[in-house]
PDB file of N, CA and C in Angstrom:
ATOM      1  N   MET A   1      82.528  51.561 115.339  1.00  0.00           N
ATOM      2  CA  MET A   1      83.399  51.860 116.468  1.00  0.00           C
ATOM      3  C   MET A   1      82.942  50.818 117.422  1.00  0.00           C
ATOM      4  N   THR A   2      83.949  50.392 118.308  1.00  0.00           N
ATOM      5  CA  THR A   2      83.250  49.636 119.373  1.00  0.00           C
ATOM      6  C   THR A   2      83.402  50.575 120.703  1.00  0.00           C
ATOM      7  N   GLY A   3      83.964  51.726 120.715  1.00  0.00           N
ATOM      8  CA  GLY A   3      84.002  52.669 121.811  1.00  0.00           C
ATOM      9  C   GLY A   3      85.260  52.399 122.800  1.00  0.00           C
ATOM     10  N   LEU A   4      86.217  51.681 122.030  1.00  0.00           N
ATOM     11  CA  LEU A   4      87.667  51.594 122.558  1.00  0.00           C
ATOM     12  C   LEU A   4      88.352  52.955 122.721  1.00  0.00           C
ATOM     13  N   VAL A   5      88.185  53.915 121.715  1.00  0.00           N
ATOM     14  CA  VAL A   5      88.736  55.242 121.851  1.00  0.00           C
ATOM     15  C   VAL A   5      87.495  56.232 121.402  1.00  0.00           C
ATOM     16  N   ASN A   6      87.554  57.225 122.043  1.00  0.00           N
ATOM     17  CA  ASN A   6      86.438  58.008 122.290  1.00  0.00           C
ATOM     18  C   ASN A   6      87.039  59.327 122.143  1.00  0.00           C
ATOM     19  N   LEU A   7      86.227  60.392 121.227  1.00  0.00           N
ATOM     20  CA  LEU A   7      86.635  61.710 121.301  1.00  0.00           C
ATOM     21  C   LEU A   7      85.465  62.579 121.653  1.00  0.00           C
ATOM     22  N   GLU A   8      85.980  63.287 122.671  1.00  0.00           N
ATOM     23  CA  GLU A   8      84.902  64.249 123.423  1.00  0.00           C
ATOM     24  C   GLU A   8      85.539  65.670 123.513  1.00  0.00           C
ATOM     25  N   ILE A   9      84.590  66.642 123.148  1.00  0.00           N
ATOM     26  CA  ILE A   9      84.971  68.230 123.267  1.00  0.00           C
ATOM     27  C   ILE A   9      84.973  68.859 124.662  1.00  0.00           C
ATOM     28  N   ASP A  10      85.932  69.255 125.253  1.00  0.00           N
ATOM     29  CA  ASP A  10      85.770  69.623 126.507  1.00  0.00           C
ATOM     30  C   ASP A  10      84.607  70.787 126.952  1.00  0.00           C
ATOM     31  N   PRO A  11      83.875  70.125 127.787  1.00  0.00           N
ATOM     32  CA  PRO A  11      82.357  71.359 127.941  1.00  0.00           C
ATOM     33  C   PRO A  11      82.894  72.668 128.649  1.00  0.00           C
ATOM     34  N   LYS A  12      84.007  72.889 129.122  1.00  0.00           N
ATOM     35  CA  LYS A  12      84.275  74.054 129.528  1.00  0.00           C
ATOM     36  C   LYS A  12      85.173  74.873 128.547  1.00  0.00           C
ATOM     37  N   ASP A  13      85.564  74.235 127.493  1.00  0.00           N
ATOM     38  CA  ASP A  13      86.662  74.926 126.473  1.00  0.00           C
ATOM     39  C   ASP A  13      86.389  74.155 125.184  1.00  0.00           C
ATOM     40  N   LYS A  14      85.416  74.666 124.175  1.00  0.00           N
ATOM     41  CA  LYS A  14      85.259  73.786 123.188  1.00  0.00           C
ATOM     42  C   LYS A  14      86.353  73.702 122.075  1.00  0.00           C
ATOM     43  N   ARG A  15      87.523  74.638 122.514  1.00  0.00           N
ATOM     44  CA  ARG A  15      88.670  74.487 121.782  1.00  0.00           C
ATOM     45  C   ARG A  15      89.590  73.062 121.899  1.00  0.00           C
ATOM     46  N   ILE A  16      89.331  72.547 123.134  1.00  0.00           N
ATOM     47  CA  ILE A  16      90.042  71.144 123.610  1.00  0.00           C
ATOM     48  C   ILE A  16      89.269  70.379 123.145  1.00  0.00           C
ATOM     49  N   ALA A  17      90.278  69.116 122.388  1.00  0.00           N
ATOM     50  CA  ALA A  17      89.321  67.874 122.396  1.00  0.00           C
ATOM     51  C   ALA A  17      90.332  66.785 123.251  1.00  0.00           C
ATOM     52  N   TRP A  18      89.362  66.118 123.943  1.00  0.00           N
ATOM     53  CA  TRP A  18      89.622  64.777 124.488  1.00  0.00           C
ATOM     54  C   TRP A  18      89.809  63.385 123.894  1.00  0.00           C
ATOM     55  N   ILE A  19      90.953  62.844 123.710  1.00  0.00           N
ATOM     56  CA  ILE A  19      90.966  61.328 123.132  1.00  0.00           C
ATOM     57  C   ILE A  19      91.132  60.664 124.445  1.00  0.00           C
ATOM     58  N   ARG A  20      90.184  59.789 124.765  1.00  0.00           N
ATOM     59  CA  ARG A  20      90.184  58.688 125.829  1.00  0.00           C
ATOM     60  C   ARG A  20      90.364  57.307 125.508  1.00  0.00           C
ATOM     61  N   LEU A  21      91.164  56.805 125.890  1.00  0.00           N
ATOM     62  CA  LEU A  21      91.508  55.251 125.544  1.00  0.00           C
ATOM     63  C   LEU A  21      90.633  54.534 126.708  1.00  0.00           C
ATOM     64  N   GLN A  22      89.802  53.586 126.080  1.00  0.00           N
ATOM     65  CA  GLN A  22      88.782  53.295 127.407  1.00  0.00           C
ATOM     66  C   GLN A  22      88.655  51.868 127.292  1.00  0.00           C
ATOM     67  N   ASN A  23      90.001  51.235 127.423  1.00  0.00           N
ATOM     68  CA  ASN A  23      89.638  49.461 127.443  1.00  0.00           C
ATOM     69  C   ASN A  23      90.681  49.115 128.471  1.00  0.00           C
ATOM     70  N   PRO A  24      90.277  49.656 129.888  1.00  0.00           N
ATOM     71  CA  PRO A  24      91.249  49.520 131.091  1.00  0.00           C
ATOM     72  C   PRO A  24      91.125  47.922 131.385  1.00  0.00           C
ATOM     73  N   GLU A  25      90.366  47.187 131.178  1.00  0.00           N
ATOM     74  CA  GLU A  25      90.299  45.755 131.448  1.00  0.00           C
ATOM     75  C   GLU A  25      91.651  45.053 130.767  1.00  0.00           C
ATOM     76  N   LYS A  26      91.846  45.471 129.516  1.00  0.00           N
ATOM     77  CA  LYS A  26      92.922  44.922 128.934  1.00  0.00           C
ATOM     78  C   LYS A  26      94.156  46.111 128.987  1.00  0.00           C
ATOM     79  N   LEU A  27      94.320  46.971 129.610  1.00  0.00           N
ATOM     80  CA  LEU A  27      95.297  47.932 129.833  1.00  0.00           C
ATOM     81  C   LEU A  27      95.442  48.488 128.563  1.00  0.00           C
ATOM     82  N   ASN A  28      94.357  48.886 127.769  1.00  0.00           N
ATOM     83  CA  ASN A  28      94.597  49.765 126.667  1.00  0.00           C
ATOM     84  C   ASN A  28      95.504  49.430 125.857  1.00  0.00           C
ATOM     85  N   VAL A  29      95.759  48.045 125.652  1.00  0.00           N
ATOM     86  CA  VAL A  29      96.763  47.391 124.612  1.00  0.00           C
ATOM     87  C   VAL A  29      96.545  47.870 123.155  1.00  0.00           C
ATOM     88  N   LEU A  30      97.468  48.180 122.593  1.00  0.00           N
ATOM     89  CA  LEU A  30      97.109  48.358 120.997  1.00  0.00           C
ATOM     90  C   LEU A  30      97.229  47.217 119.888  1.00  0.00           C
ATOM     91  N   ASN A  31      95.776  47.078 119.583  1.00  0.00           N
ATOM     92  CA  ASN A  31      95.504  45.909 118.707  1.00  0.00           C
ATOM     93  C   ASN A  31      95.222  46.608 117.328  1.00  0.00           C
ATOM     94  N   HIS A  32      94.857  45.865 116.517  1.00  0.00           N
ATOM     95  CA  HIS A  32      94.645  46.691 115.069  1.00  0.00           C
ATOM     96  C   HIS A  32      93.029  47.581 115.292  1.00  0.00           C
ATOM     97  N   ALA A  33      92.218  46.728 115.840  1.00  0.00           N
ATOM     98  CA  ALA A  33      90.851  47.458 116.033  1.00  0.00           C
ATOM     99  C   ALA A  33      90.856  48.787 116.848  1.00  0.00           C
ATOM    100  N   TYR A  34      91.929  48.607 117.948  1.00  0.00           N
ATOM    101  CA  TYR A  34      91.815  49.742 118.773  1.00  0.00           C
ATOM    102  C   TYR A  34      92.855  50.954 117.783  1.00  0.00           C
ATOM    103  N   MET A  35      94.176  50.555 116.981  1.00  0.00           N
ATOM    104  CA  MET A  35      94.513  51.516 116.424  1.00  0.00           C
ATOM    105  C   MET A  35      93.440  52.184 115.032  1.00  0.00           C
ATOM    106  N   ASP A  36      92.596  51.243 114.719  1.00  0.00           N
ATOM    107  CA  ASP A  36      91.930  51.923 113.559  1.00  0.00           C
ATOM    108  C   ASP A  36      90.900  52.877 114.376  1.00  0.00           C
ATOM    109  N   GLU A  37      90.366  52.981 115.456  1.00  0.00           N
ATOM    110  CA  GLU A  37      89.635  53.791 116.296  1.00  0.00           C
ATOM    111  C   GLU A  37      90.495  54.892 116.508  1.00  0.00           C
ATOM    112  N   LEU A  38      91.824  54.859 116.830  1.00  0.00           N
ATOM    113  CA  LEU A  38      92.372  55.878 117.424  1.00  0.00           C
ATOM    114  C   LEU A  38      92.776  56.803 116.172  1.00  0.00           C
ATOM    115  N   GLU A  39      93.111  55.795 115.110  1.00  0.00           N
ATOM    116  CA  GLU A  39      93.339  56.591 113.403  1.00  0.00           C
ATOM    117  C   GLU A  39      92.467  57.442 113.568  1.00  0.00           C
ATOM    118  N   SER A  40      91.072  57.263 113.406  1.00  0.00           N
ATOM    119  CA  SER A  40      89.884  57.701 113.171  1.00  0.00           C
ATOM    120  C   SER A  40      89.676  58.805 113.889  1.00  0.00           C
ATOM    121  N   VAL A  41      89.650  58.975 115.113  1.00  0.00           N
ATOM    122  CA  VAL A  41      89.599  59.948 115.873  1.00  0.00           C
ATOM    123  C   VAL A  41      90.849  60.986 115.865  1.00  0.00           C
ATOM    124  N   LEU A  42      92.018  60.230 115.671  1.00  0.00           N
ATOM    125  CA  LEU A  42      93.011  61.494 115.369  1.00  0.00           C
ATOM    126  C   LEU A  42      92.488  62.533 114.116  1.00  0.00           C
ATOM    127  N   VAL A  43      92.271  61.728 113.305  1.00  0.00           N
ATOM    128  CA  VAL A  43      92.048  62.571 111.857  1.00  0.00           C
ATOM    129  C   VAL A  43      91.039  63.241 112.135  1.00  0.00           C
ATOM    130  N   GLU A  44      89.866  62.806 112.883  1.00  0.00           N
ATOM    131  CA  GLU A  44      88.671  63.900 113.018  1.00  0.00           C
ATOM    132  C   GLU A  44      89.071  64.992 113.914  1.00  0.00           C
ATOM    133  N   ALA A  45      89.734  64.957 115.037  1.00  0.00           N
ATOM    134  CA  ALA A  45      90.203  66.048 115.617  1.00  0.00           C
ATOM    135  C   ALA A  45      91.174  67.124 114.889  1.00  0.00           C
ATOM    136  N   ASP A  46      91.916  66.542 114.094  1.00  0.00           N
ATOM    137  CA  ASP A  46      92.891  67.109 113.232  1.00  0.00           C
ATOM    138  C   ASP A  46      92.068  68.283 112.230  1.00  0.00           C
ATOM    139  N   ARG A  47      90.880  67.657 111.443  1.00  0.00           N
ATOM    140  CA  ARG A  47      90.152  68.165 110.644  1.00  0.00           C
ATOM    141  C   ARG A  47      89.710  69.272 111.034  1.00  0.00           C
ATOM    142  N   ASP A  48      89.091  68.988 112.445  1.00  0.00           N
ATOM    143  CA  ASP A  48      88.134  70.025 112.816  1.00  0.00           C
ATOM    144  C   ASP A  48      88.759  71.325 113.301  1.00  0.00           C
ATOM    145  N   ASN A  49      88.436  72.453 112.733  1.00  0.00           N
ATOM    146  CA  ASN A  49      88.813  73.754 112.796  1.00  0.00           C
ATOM    147  C   ASN A  49      88.570  74.629 113.951  1.00  0.00           C
ATOM    148  N   GLU A  50      87.489  74.103 114.539  1.00  0.00           N
ATOM    149  CA  GLU A  50      87.090  74.470 115.948  1.00  0.00           C
ATOM    150  C   GLU A  50      88.298  74.051 117.216  1.00  0.00           C
ATOM    151  N   ILE A  51      88.906  72.758 117.054  1.00  0.00           N
ATOM    152  CA  ILE A  51      89.385  72.388 117.910  1.00  0.00           C
ATOM    153  C   ILE A  51      91.099  72.901 117.986  1.00  0.00           C
ATOM    154  N   GLN A  52      91.630  73.184 118.858  1.00  0.00           N
ATOM    155  CA  GLN A  52      93.072  74.029 118.838  1.00  0.00           C
ATOM    156  C   GLN A  52      93.894  73.183 119.781  1.00  0.00           C
ATOM    157  N   ALA A  53      93.337  72.366 120.333  1.00  0.00           N
ATOM    158  CA  ALA A  53      94.331  71.306 121.212  1.00  0.00           C
ATOM    159  C   ALA A  53      93.967  69.980 121.174  1.00  0.00           C
ATOM    160  N   ILE A  54      94.624  69.008 121.236  1.00  0.00           N
ATOM    161  CA  ILE A  54      94.427  67.623 121.599  1.00  0.00           C
ATOM    162  C   ILE A  54      94.891  67.035 122.628  1.00  0.00           C
ATOM    163  N   LEU A  55      94.125  66.554 123.527  1.00  0.00           N
ATOM    164  CA  LEU A  55      94.731  65.869 124.728  1.00  0.00           C
ATOM    165  C   LEU A  55      94.223  64.782 124.777  1.00  0.00           C
ATOM    166  N   ILE A  56      95.296  63.637 124.783  1.00  0.00           N
ATOM    167  CA  ILE A  56      95.274  61.940 124.920  1.00  0.00           C
ATOM    168  C   ILE A  56      95.259  61.596 126.387  1.00  0.00           C
ATOM    169  N   THR A  57      94.213  60.632 127.006  1.00  0.00           N
ATOM    170  CA  THR A  57      94.466  60.271 128.171  1.00  0.00           C
ATOM    171  C   THR A  57      93.685  58.902 128.308  1.00  0.00           C
ATOM    172  N   GLY A  58      94.212  58.159 129.078  1.00  0.00           N
ATOM    173  CA  GLY A  58      93.442  56.875 129.444  1.00  0.00           C
ATOM    174  C   GLY A  58      92.605  57.093 130.464  1.00  0.00           C
ATOM    175  N   THR A  59      92.788  55.857 131.407  1.00  0.00           N
ATOM    176  CA  THR A  59      91.843  56.100 132.861  1.00  0.00           C
ATOM    177  C   THR A  59      92.973  56.142 133.831  1.00  0.00           C
ATOM    178  N   GLU A  60      92.181  56.092 135.148  1.00  0.00           N
ATOM    179  CA  GLU A  60      93.172  56.410 136.157  1.00  0.00           C
ATOM    180  C   GLU A  60      94.262  55.535 136.540  1.00  0.00           C
ATOM    181  N   ARG A  61      93.999  54.364 136.187  1.00  0.00           N
ATOM    182  CA  ARG A  61      94.857  53.033 136.358  1.00  0.00           C
ATOM    183  C   ARG A  61      95.870  53.141 135.419  1.00  0.00           C
ATOM    184  N   VAL A  62      95.563  53.288 134.157  1.00  0.00           N
ATOM    185  CA  VAL A  62      96.496  52.963 132.855  1.00  0.00           C
ATOM    186  C   VAL A  62      96.337  53.685 131.588  1.00  0.00           C
ATOM    187  N   PHE A  63      97.317  54.301 131.323  1.00  0.00           N
ATOM    188  CA  PHE A  63      97.376  55.014 130.252  1.00  0.00           C
ATOM    189  C   PHE A  63      97.171  54.097 128.773  1.00  0.00           C
ATOM    190  N   CYS A  64      98.580  53.369 128.896  1.00  0.00           N
ATOM    191  CA  CYS A  64      98.515  52.137 127.423  1.00  0.00           C
ATOM    192  C   CYS A  64      99.714  51.394 127.816  1.00  0.00           C
ATOM    193  N   ALA A  65      99.395  50.088 127.708  1.00  0.00           N
ATOM    194  CA  ALA A  65     100.532  48.998 128.113  1.00  0.00           C
ATOM    195  C   ALA A  65     101.302  48.533 126.962  1.00  0.00           C
ATOM    196  N   GLY A  66     101.202  49.188 125.644  1.00  0.00           N
ATOM    197  CA  GLY A  66     101.874  49.126 124.543  1.00  0.00           C
ATOM    198  C   GLY A  66     101.064  48.303 123.624  1.00  0.00           C
ATOM    199  N   ALA A  67     101.889  47.457 122.857  1.00  0.00           N
ATOM    200  CA  ALA A  67     101.169  46.553 121.709  1.00  0.00           C
ATOM    201  C   ALA A  67     100.427  45.326 122.288  1.00  0.00           C
ATOM    202  N   ASP A  68      99.695  44.772 121.733  1.00  0.00           N
ATOM    203  CA  ASP A  68      98.609  43.663 122.282  1.00  0.00           C
ATOM    204  C   ASP A  68      99.778  42.153 121.778  1.00  0.00           C
ATOM    205  N   LEU A  69     100.538  41.857 122.629  1.00  0.00           N
ATOM    206  CA  LEU A  69     101.644  40.756 122.178  1.00  0.00           C
ATOM    207  C   LEU A  69     100.827  39.545 121.771  1.00  0.00           C
ATOM    208  N   SER A  70      99.703  39.350 122.613  1.00  0.00           N
ATOM    209  CA  SER A  70      98.798  38.001 122.055  1.00  0.00           C
ATOM    210  C   SER A  70      98.463  38.124 120.534  1.00  0.00           C
ATOM    211  N   GLU A  71      98.080  39.528 120.267  1.00  0.00           N
ATOM    212  CA  GLU A  71      97.683  39.794 118.711  1.00  0.00           C
ATOM    213  C   GLU A  71      98.987  39.533 117.900  1.00  0.00           C
ATOM    214  N   LEU A  72      99.922  40.416 118.222  1.00  0.00           N
ATOM    215  CA  LEU A  72     101.286  40.345 117.284  1.00  0.00           C
ATOM    216  C   LEU A  72     101.950  38.815 117.191  1.00  0.00           C
ATOM    217  N   MET A  73     101.795  37.918 118.283  1.00  0.00           N
ATOM    218  CA  MET A  73     102.399  36.702 118.015  1.00  0.00           C
ATOM    219  C   MET A  73     101.569  35.754 117.097  1.00  0.00           C
ATOM    220  N   ASN A  74     100.438  36.124 116.816  1.00  0.00           N
ATOM    221  CA  ASN A  74      99.542  35.274 115.861  1.00  0.00           C
ATOM    222  C   ASN A  74      99.314  35.799 114.389  1.00  0.00           C
ATOM    223  N   LEU A  75     100.000  36.863 114.341  1.00  0.00           N
ATOM    224  CA  LEU A  75     100.125  37.307 112.838  1.00  0.00           C
ATOM    225  C   LEU A  75     100.933  36.642 112.017  1.00  0.00           C
ATOM    226  N   SER A  76     100.511  36.751 110.704  1.00  0.00           N
ATOM    227  CA  SER A  76     101.582  36.198 109.619  1.00  0.00           C
ATOM    228  C   SER A  76     102.671  37.489 109.497  1.00  0.00           C
ATOM    229  N   PHE A  77     103.716  37.238 108.636  1.00  0.00           N
ATOM    230  CA  PHE A  77     104.663  38.233 107.987  1.00  0.00           C
ATOM    231  C   PHE A  77     103.757  39.518 107.643  1.00  0.00           C
ATOM    232  N   GLU A  78     103.072  39.063 106.641  1.00  0.00           N
ATOM    233  CA  GLU A  78     102.315  40.185 106.060  1.00  0.00           C
ATOM    234  C   GLU A  78     101.094  41.020 106.794  1.00  0.00           C
ATOM    235  N   GLU A  79     100.303  40.227 107.781  1.00  0.00           N
ATOM    236  CA  GLU A  79      99.594  40.933 108.710  1.00  0.00           C
ATOM    237  C   GLU A  79     100.633  41.723 109.887  1.00  0.00           C
ATOM    238  N   GLY A  80     101.774  41.380 110.016  1.00  0.00           N
ATOM    239  CA  GLY A  80     102.486  42.120 111.067  1.00  0.00           C
ATOM    240  C   GLY A  80     103.206  43.295 110.245  1.00  0.00           C
ATOM    241  N   VAL A  81     103.385  43.130 108.953  1.00  0.00           N
ATOM    242  CA  VAL A  81     103.650  44.406 108.384  1.00  0.00           C
ATOM    243  C   VAL A  81     102.528  45.365 108.395  1.00  0.00           C
ATOM    244  N   LYS A  82     101.539  45.071 108.169  1.00  0.00           N
ATOM    245  CA  LYS A  82     100.142  46.036 108.139  1.00  0.00           C
ATOM    246  C   LYS A  82      99.841  46.380 109.526  1.00  0.00           C
ATOM    247  N   TRP A  83     100.016  45.699 110.666  1.00  0.00           N
ATOM    248  CA  TRP A  83     100.120  46.234 112.035  1.00  0.00           C
ATOM    249  C   TRP A  83     101.121  47.423 112.226  1.00  0.00           C
ATOM    250  N   PHE A  84     102.433  47.169 112.159  1.00  0.00           N
ATOM    251  CA  PHE A  84     103.281  48.293 112.053  1.00  0.00           C
ATOM    252  C   PHE A  84     103.209  49.498 111.379  1.00  0.00           C
ATOM    253  N   SER A  85     102.462  48.997 110.106  1.00  0.00           N
ATOM    254  CA  SER A  85     102.266  50.247 108.863  1.00  0.00           C
ATOM    255  C   SER A  85     101.035  51.135 109.830  1.00  0.00           C
ATOM    256  N   LYS A  86     100.274  50.537 110.419  1.00  0.00           N
ATOM    257  CA  LYS A  86      99.041  51.124 111.119  1.00  0.00           C
ATOM    258  C   LYS A  86      99.566  52.029 112.128  1.00  0.00           C
ATOM    259  N   TYR A  87     100.600  51.459 112.993  1.00  0.00           N
ATOM    260  CA  TYR A  87     101.337  52.061 113.993  1.00  0.00           C
ATOM    261  C   TYR A  87     101.991  53.276 113.828  1.00  0.00           C
ATOM    262  N   TYR A  88     102.631  53.270 112.588  1.00  0.00           N
ATOM    263  CA  TYR A  88     103.454  54.392 112.413  1.00  0.00           C
ATOM    264  C   TYR A  88     102.676  55.248 111.732  1.00  0.00           C
ATOM    265  N   THR A  89     101.589  54.971 111.042  1.00  0.00           N
ATOM    266  CA  THR A  89     100.642  55.902 110.576  1.00  0.00           C
ATOM    267  C   THR A  89      99.997  56.777 111.595  1.00  0.00           C
ATOM    268  N   ILE A  90      99.894  56.317 112.851  1.00  0.00           N
ATOM    269  CA  ILE A  90      99.321  57.032 113.969  1.00  0.00           C
ATOM    270  C   ILE A  90     100.454  57.883 114.412  1.00  0.00           C
ATOM    271  N   ILE A  91     101.535  57.396 114.693  1.00  0.00           N
ATOM    272  CA  ILE A  91     102.932  58.097 115.128  1.00  0.00           C
ATOM    273  C   ILE A  91     102.875  59.357 114.123  1.00  0.00           C
ATOM    274  N   ASP A  92     102.775  59.241 112.698  1.00  0.00           N
ATOM    275  CA  ASP A  92     102.832  60.375 111.861  1.00  0.00           C
ATOM    276  C   ASP A  92     101.812  61.471 112.090  1.00  0.00           C
ATOM    277  N   LEU A  93     100.620  60.788 112.383  1.00  0.00           N
ATOM    278  CA  LEU A  93      99.441  61.856 112.526  1.00  0.00           C
ATOM    279  C   LEU A  93      99.716  62.387 113.614  1.00  0.00           C
ATOM    280  N   LEU A  94     100.228  62.082 114.780  1.00  0.00           N
ATOM    281  CA  LEU A  94     100.426  62.682 115.987  1.00  0.00           C
ATOM    282  C   LEU A  94     101.748  63.692 115.679  1.00  0.00           C
ATOM    283  N   ARG A  95     102.697  63.468 114.795  1.00  0.00           N
ATOM    284  CA  ARG A  95     103.843  64.375 114.642  1.00  0.00           C
ATOM    285  C   ARG A  95     103.386  65.572 113.699  1.00  0.00           C
ATOM    286  N   SER A  96     102.514  65.177 112.675  1.00  0.00           N
ATOM    287  CA  SER A  96     102.224  66.126 111.764  1.00  0.00           C
ATOM    288  C   SER A  96     100.980  67.312 111.777  1.00  0.00           C
ATOM    289  N   THR A  97     100.082  66.903 112.884  1.00  0.00           N
ATOM    290  CA  THR A  97      99.281  67.939 113.287  1.00  0.00           C
ATOM    291  C   THR A  97      99.804  69.214 113.808  1.00  0.00           C
ATOM    292  N   SER A  98      99.202  70.327 113.422  1.00  0.00           N
ATOM    293  CA  SER A  98      99.575  71.628 113.640  1.00  0.00           C
ATOM    294  C   SER A  98      98.881  72.014 114.930  1.00  0.00           C
ATOM    295  N   LYS A  99      98.151  71.142 115.595  1.00  0.00           N
ATOM    296  CA  LYS A  99      97.667  71.227 117.091  1.00  0.00           C
ATOM    297  C   LYS A  99      98.507  70.835 118.010  1.00  0.00           C
ATOM    298  N   PRO A 100      98.565  71.562 119.191  1.00  0.00           N
ATOM    299  CA  PRO A 100      99.494  71.118 120.151  1.00  0.00           C
ATOM    300  C   PRO A 100      98.703  69.691 120.668  1.00  0.00           C
ATOM    301  N   THR A 101      99.526  68.635 120.768  1.00  0.00           N
ATOM    302  CA  THR A 101      98.747  67.502 121.419  1.00  0.00           C
ATOM    303  C   THR A 101      99.651  66.898 122.481  1.00  0.00           C
ATOM    304  N   VAL A 102      99.036  66.926 123.562  1.00  0.00           N
ATOM    305  CA  VAL A 102      99.437  66.470 125.058  1.00  0.00           C
ATOM    306  C   VAL A 102      99.009  64.915 125.376  1.00  0.00           C
ATOM    307  N   ALA A 103      99.999  64.532 125.690  1.00  0.00           N
ATOM    308  CA  ALA A 103      99.523  62.920 126.671  1.00  0.00           C
ATOM    309  C   ALA A 103      99.395  63.383 128.165  1.00  0.00           C
ATOM    310  N   VAL A 104      98.230  63.102 128.514  1.00  0.00           N
ATOM    311  CA  VAL A 104      97.894  63.006 130.006  1.00  0.00           C
ATOM    312  C   VAL A 104      97.905  61.881 130.704  1.00  0.00           C
ATOM    313  N   VAL A 105      99.251  61.487 131.150  1.00  0.00           N
ATOM    314  CA  VAL A 105      99.389  59.805 131.577  1.00  0.00           C
ATOM    315  C   VAL A 105      99.282  59.502 132.822  1.00  0.00           C
ATOM    316  N   ARG A 106      98.508  58.957 133.267  1.00  0.00           N
ATOM    317  CA  ARG A 106      98.202  58.395 134.763  1.00  0.00           C
ATOM    318  C   ARG A 106      98.275  56.962 134.601  1.00  0.00           C
ATOM    319  N   GLY A 107      99.222  56.087 135.476  1.00  0.00           N
ATOM    320  CA  GLY A 107      99.245  54.914 135.747  1.00  0.00           C
ATOM    321  C   GLY A 107     100.084  54.369 134.782  1.00  0.00           C
ATOM    322  N   VAL A 108      99.675  53.236 134.279  1.00  0.00           N
ATOM    323  CA  VAL A 108     100.759  52.260 133.334  1.00  0.00           C
ATOM    324  C   VAL A 108     100.939  53.004 132.055  1.00  0.00           C
ATOM    325  N   CYS A 109     102.270  53.129 131.494  1.00  0.00           N
ATOM    326  CA  CYS A 109     102.553  53.416 130.355  1.00  0.00           C
ATOM    327  C   CYS A 109     103.497  52.977 129.795  1.00  0.00           C
ATOM    328  N   VAL A 110     103.664  51.995 128.934  1.00  0.00           N
ATOM    329  CA  VAL A 110     104.931  51.236 128.490  1.00  0.00           C
ATOM    330  C   VAL A 110     105.038  50.872 127.116  1.00  0.00           C
ATOM    331  N   GLY A 111     106.080  50.328 126.716  1.00  0.00           N
ATOM    332  CA  GLY A 111     105.999  49.565 125.406  1.00  0.00           C
ATOM    333  C   GLY A 111     106.223  50.869 124.515  1.00  0.00           C
ATOM    334  N   GLY A 112     105.608  50.505 123.140  1.00  0.00           N
ATOM    335  CA  GLY A 112     105.735  51.661 122.001  1.00  0.00           C
ATOM    336  C   GLY A 112     104.740  52.954 122.639  1.00  0.00           C
ATOM    337  N   GLU A 113     103.814  52.829 123.284  1.00  0.00           N
ATOM    338  CA  GLU A 113     103.299  54.014 123.688  1.00  0.00           C
ATOM    339  C   GLU A 113     104.147  55.189 124.098  1.00  0.00           C
ATOM    340  N   ARG A 114     105.300  54.868 124.726  1.00  0.00           N
ATOM    341  CA  ARG A 114     106.170  55.891 125.395  1.00  0.00           C
ATOM    342  C   ARG A 114     106.705  56.476 123.754  1.00  0.00           C
ATOM    343  N   ASP A 115     106.677  56.027 122.629  1.00  0.00           N
ATOM    344  CA  ASP A 115     106.830  56.655 121.439  1.00  0.00           C
ATOM    345  C   ASP A 115     106.139  57.806 121.126  1.00  0.00           C
ATOM    346  N   GLY A 116     104.914  57.605 121.379  1.00  0.00           N
ATOM    347  CA  GLY A 116     103.980  58.365 121.040  1.00  0.00           C
ATOM    348  C   GLY A 116     103.928  60.017 122.152  1.00  0.00           C
ATOM    349  N   ASN A 117     104.686  59.551 123.201  1.00  0.00           N
ATOM    350  CA  ASN A 117     104.686  60.438 124.062  1.00  0.00           C
ATOM    351  C   ASN A 117     105.770  61.287 123.988  1.00  0.00           C
ATOM    352  N   GLY A 118     106.652  61.064 123.339  1.00  0.00           N
ATOM    353  CA  GLY A 118     108.068  61.922 123.204  1.00  0.00           C
ATOM    354  C   GLY A 118     107.967  62.934 121.925  1.00  0.00           C
ATOM    355  N   LEU A 119     106.808  62.893 121.758  1.00  0.00           N
ATOM    356  CA  LEU A 119     106.785  63.876 120.264  1.00  0.00           C
ATOM    357  C   LEU A 119     106.562  65.352 120.987  1.00  0.00           C
TER     358      LEU A 119
END
């Protein structure tokens, strides 16, 4: 992992997991590597029986600016299908977890990331 997405257990309440989006220089845009990490930490938080709630946040300046358009523009059709499949896998994970999941949004939040916030 490159540290674009981090899973932290709340030090004051071990039942709460914080998923932090950590690439503010690029406005936390969603590219394939970013989504791989996000999927991994979502699965980890969902499987951990100690965790009872998941909070997802970005930085003070940005939550997420949506898809990485520079990446999407350079994908072949097949790669684009894989990209959107990954995106919908993450949305499905957010919808299927039995744990309350809250987006703690500060700053920029545009594009597809709004889909995840409407769950």
